[in-house]
Amino acid sequence: MDDKTTTLAEIKAVIFAFAEERDWGQFHDPKNLVMAIASELGELSDHFRWVTNQDSRRVAQERESAAAIASELADIMMFAFEFATVCGIDVAAAIEAKLKVNSERYPVEKARGTARKYNQL
């Protein structure tokens, strides 16, 4: 699998099948999946604790940490895709809808080059 050739539907199906083969569906309800995402996000965050913003780019690319960071991101994404499956969320449609909202909240002429929140633009 790779980003260029694998569809979201394929990813969701593979992850769901993996959990189903192990009878984990009984544990993978929306609440527990959200808790798993939060836990894995903490593990990913740990790689960047106490480094500067500039150094965070280096940490993400270093051979010693890049594989572990990718593994933590994979955990987060797998739980997120399973959450979407369990909740009946079409990920592509949800992203498209959110980008529409964000494009209205963050018009280019006001948001370019600033990290301010939409209500501060």
C-alpha atoms as a PDB file:
ATOM      1  CA  MET A   1       0.000   0.000   0.000  1.00  0.00           C
ATOM      2  CA  ASP A   2       1.058   3.581  -0.618  1.00  0.00           C
ATOM      3  CA  ASP A   3      -0.555   7.009  -0.648  1.00  0.00           C
ATOM      4  CA  LYS A   4      -0.575   7.238  -4.430  1.00  0.00           C
ATOM      5  CA  THR A   5      -2.491   4.032  -5.175  1.00  0.00           C
ATOM      6  CA  THR A   6      -4.464   3.088  -2.058  1.00  0.00           C
ATOM      7  CA  THR A   7      -7.964   4.463  -1.583  1.00  0.00           C
ATOM      8  CA  LEU A   8      -9.461   5.486   1.742  1.00  0.00           C
ATOM      9  CA  ALA A   9     -12.048   2.729   1.302  1.00  0.00           C
ATOM     10  CA  GLU A  10      -9.269   0.151   0.961  1.00  0.00           C
ATOM     11  CA  ILE A  11      -7.488   1.447   4.051  1.00  0.00           C
ATOM     12  CA  LYS A  12     -10.698   1.401   6.087  1.00  0.00           C
ATOM     13  CA  ALA A  13     -11.511  -2.130   4.916  1.00  0.00           C
ATOM     14  CA  VAL A  14      -8.054  -3.507   5.770  1.00  0.00           C
ATOM     15  CA  ILE A  15      -8.100  -1.955   9.237  1.00  0.00           C
ATOM     16  CA  PHE A  16     -11.658  -3.098   9.952  1.00  0.00           C
ATOM     17  CA  ALA A  17     -10.848  -6.647   8.766  1.00  0.00           C
ATOM     18  CA  PHE A  18      -7.744  -6.741  10.991  1.00  0.00           C
ATOM     19  CA  ALA A  19      -9.810  -5.851  14.060  1.00  0.00           C
ATOM     20  CA  GLU A  20     -12.674  -8.174  13.119  1.00  0.00           C
ATOM     21  CA  GLU A  21     -10.329 -11.170  12.680  1.00  0.00           C
ATOM     22  CA  ARG A  22      -9.272 -10.656  16.283  1.00  0.00           C
ATOM     23  CA  ASP A  23     -12.843 -10.070  17.557  1.00  0.00           C
ATOM     24  CA  TRP A  24     -11.840  -6.594  18.728  1.00  0.00           C
ATOM     25  CA  GLY A  25     -15.064  -5.011  17.513  1.00  0.00           C
ATOM     26  CA  GLN A  26     -16.504  -5.610  20.962  1.00  0.00           C
ATOM     27  CA  PHE A  27     -13.880  -3.239  22.382  1.00  0.00           C
ATOM     28  CA  HIS A  28     -13.688  -0.754  19.515  1.00  0.00           C
ATOM     29  CA  ASP A  29     -16.724   1.388  20.240  1.00  0.00           C
ATOM     30  CA  PRO A  30     -16.554   5.139  19.546  1.00  0.00           C
ATOM     31  CA  LYS A  31     -15.558   6.078  23.113  1.00  0.00           C
ATOM     32  CA  ASN A  32     -12.739   3.554  23.337  1.00  0.00           C
ATOM     33  CA  LEU A  33     -11.459   4.431  19.870  1.00  0.00           C
ATOM     34  CA  VAL A  34     -11.315   8.118  20.828  1.00  0.00           C
ATOM     35  CA  MET A  35      -9.436   7.191  23.996  1.00  0.00           C
ATOM     36  CA  ALA A  36      -7.010   5.100  21.927  1.00  0.00           C
ATOM     37  CA  ILE A  37      -6.442   8.031  19.535  1.00  0.00           C
ATOM     38  CA  ALA A  38      -5.722  10.328  22.486  1.00  0.00           C
ATOM     39  CA  SER A  39      -3.309   7.812  24.016  1.00  0.00           C
ATOM     40  CA  GLU A  40      -1.428   7.311  20.770  1.00  0.00           C
ATOM     41  CA  LEU A  41      -1.315  11.076  20.208  1.00  0.00           C
ATOM     42  CA  GLY A  42       0.402  11.372  23.578  1.00  0.00           C
ATOM     43  CA  GLU A  43       2.992   8.823  22.462  1.00  0.00           C
ATOM     44  CA  LEU A  44       3.593  10.772  19.246  1.00  0.00           C
ATOM     45  CA  SER A  45       3.819  14.039  21.166  1.00  0.00           C
ATOM     46  CA  ASP A  46       6.463  12.541  23.410  1.00  0.00           C
ATOM     47  CA  HIS A  47       8.926  12.498  20.492  1.00  0.00           C
ATOM     48  CA  PHE A  48       8.709  16.286  20.242  1.00  0.00           C
ATOM     49  CA  ARG A  49       8.633  17.220  23.905  1.00  0.00           C
ATOM     50  CA  TRP A  50      11.136  19.888  24.868  1.00  0.00           C
ATOM     51  CA  VAL A  51      12.448  20.528  21.363  1.00  0.00           C
ATOM     52  CA  THR A  52      12.156  23.847  19.585  1.00  0.00           C
ATOM     53  CA  ASN A  53       9.854  24.294  16.613  1.00  0.00           C
ATOM     54  CA  GLN A  54      12.904  24.367  14.359  1.00  0.00           C
ATOM     55  CA  ASP A  55      14.367  21.194  15.888  1.00  0.00           C
ATOM     56  CA  SER A  56      11.049  19.374  15.526  1.00  0.00           C
ATOM     57  CA  ARG A  57      11.612  19.146  11.747  1.00  0.00           C
ATOM     58  CA  ARG A  58      15.010  17.565  12.339  1.00  0.00           C
ATOM     59  CA  VAL A  59      13.600  15.094  14.891  1.00  0.00           C
ATOM     60  CA  ALA A  60      10.912  14.026  12.422  1.00  0.00           C
ATOM     61  CA  GLN A  61      13.571  13.222   9.805  1.00  0.00           C
ATOM     62  CA  GLU A  62      16.286  11.618  11.934  1.00  0.00           C
ATOM     63  CA  ARG A  63      16.798   7.945  11.262  1.00  0.00           C
ATOM     64  CA  GLU A  64      16.658   7.125  14.984  1.00  0.00           C
ATOM     65  CA  SER A  65      13.235   8.679  15.458  1.00  0.00           C
ATOM     66  CA  ALA A  66      11.538   8.728  12.027  1.00  0.00           C
ATOM     67  CA  ALA A  67      10.428   5.073  12.112  1.00  0.00           C
ATOM     68  CA  ALA A  68       9.032   5.386  15.638  1.00  0.00           C
ATOM     69  CA  ILE A  69       7.219   8.601  14.696  1.00  0.00           C
ATOM     70  CA  ALA A  70       5.737   6.944  11.605  1.00  0.00           C
ATOM     71  CA  SER A  71       4.614   4.001  13.752  1.00  0.00           C
ATOM     72  CA  GLU A  72       2.845   6.298  16.231  1.00  0.00           C
ATOM     73  CA  LEU A  73       1.176   8.198  13.388  1.00  0.00           C
ATOM     74  CA  ALA A  74       0.043   4.878  11.899  1.00  0.00           C
ATOM     75  CA  ASP A  75      -1.537   3.936  15.239  1.00  0.00           C
ATOM     76  CA  ILE A  76      -3.405   7.248  15.341  1.00  0.00           C
ATOM     77  CA  MET A  77      -4.564   6.984  11.747  1.00  0.00           C
ATOM     78  CA  MET A  78      -5.667   3.360  12.085  1.00  0.00           C
ATOM     79  CA  PHE A  79      -7.767   4.166  15.140  1.00  0.00           C
ATOM     80  CA  ALA A  80      -9.154   7.264  13.383  1.00  0.00           C
ATOM     81  CA  PHE A  81     -10.117   5.274  10.289  1.00  0.00           C
ATOM     82  CA  GLU A  82     -11.698   2.579  12.431  1.00  0.00           C
ATOM     83  CA  PHE A  83     -13.584   5.285  14.339  1.00  0.00           C
ATOM     84  CA  ALA A  84     -14.862   6.609  11.016  1.00  0.00           C
ATOM     85  CA  THR A  85     -15.961   3.122   9.978  1.00  0.00           C
ATOM     86  CA  VAL A  86     -17.710   2.391  13.276  1.00  0.00           C
ATOM     87  CA  CYS A  87     -19.464   5.790  13.210  1.00  0.00           C
ATOM     88  CA  GLY A  88     -20.357   5.624   9.514  1.00  0.00           C
ATOM     89  CA  ILE A  89     -18.299   8.695   8.637  1.00  0.00           C
ATOM     90  CA  ASP A  90     -17.245   9.204   5.032  1.00  0.00           C
ATOM     91  CA  VAL A  91     -13.763  10.600   5.652  1.00  0.00           C
ATOM     92  CA  ALA A  92     -13.348  12.236   2.242  1.00  0.00           C
ATOM     93  CA  ALA A  93     -16.761  13.929   2.492  1.00  0.00           C
ATOM     94  CA  ALA A  94     -16.039  15.071   6.063  1.00  0.00           C
ATOM     95  CA  ILE A  95     -12.695  16.568   4.993  1.00  0.00           C
ATOM     96  CA  GLU A  96     -14.283  18.285   2.010  1.00  0.00           C
ATOM     97  CA  ALA A  97     -17.012  19.778   4.230  1.00  0.00           C
ATOM     98  CA  LYS A  98     -14.478  20.928   6.831  1.00  0.00           C
ATOM     99  CA  LEU A  99     -12.249  22.528   4.184  1.00  0.00           C
ATOM    100  CA  LYS A 100     -15.294  24.445   2.925  1.00  0.00           C
ATOM    101  CA  VAL A 101     -16.003  25.739   6.441  1.00  0.00           C
ATOM    102  CA  ASN A 102     -12.325  26.576   6.985  1.00  0.00           C
ATOM    103  CA  SER A 103     -12.064  28.387   3.659  1.00  0.00           C
ATOM    104  CA  GLU A 104     -14.900  30.653   4.817  1.00  0.00           C
ATOM    105  CA  ARG A 105     -13.366  31.115   8.278  1.00  0.00           C
ATOM    106  CA  TYR A 106      -9.867  31.669   6.939  1.00  0.00           C
ATOM    107  CA  PRO A 107     -10.078  33.632   3.680  1.00  0.00           C
ATOM    108  CA  VAL A 108      -6.685  33.764   1.987  1.00  0.00           C
ATOM    109  CA  GLU A 109      -6.503  37.540   2.058  1.00  0.00           C
ATOM    110  CA  LYS A 110      -6.858  37.561   5.869  1.00  0.00           C
ATOM    111  CA  ALA A 111      -5.208  34.282   6.863  1.00  0.00           C
ATOM    112  CA  ARG A 112      -2.081  34.157   4.705  1.00  0.00           C
ATOM    113  CA  GLY A 113       1.031  34.132   6.860  1.00  0.00           C
ATOM    114  CA  THR A 114      -0.703  34.299  10.244  1.00  0.00           C
ATOM    115  CA  ALA A 115      -1.524  31.659  12.837  1.00  0.00           C
ATOM    116  CA  ARG A 116      -4.390  33.645  14.331  1.00  0.00           C
ATOM    117  CA  LYS A 117      -7.687  31.926  14.925  1.00  0.00           C
ATOM    118  CA  TYR A 118     -10.536  32.830  12.568  1.00  0.00           C
ATOM    119  CA  ASN A 119     -12.271  35.015  15.145  1.00  0.00           C
ATOM    120  CA  GLN A 120      -9.098  37.117  15.475  1.00  0.00           C
ATOM    121  CA  LEU A 121      -8.552  37.835  11.789  1.00  0.00           C
END
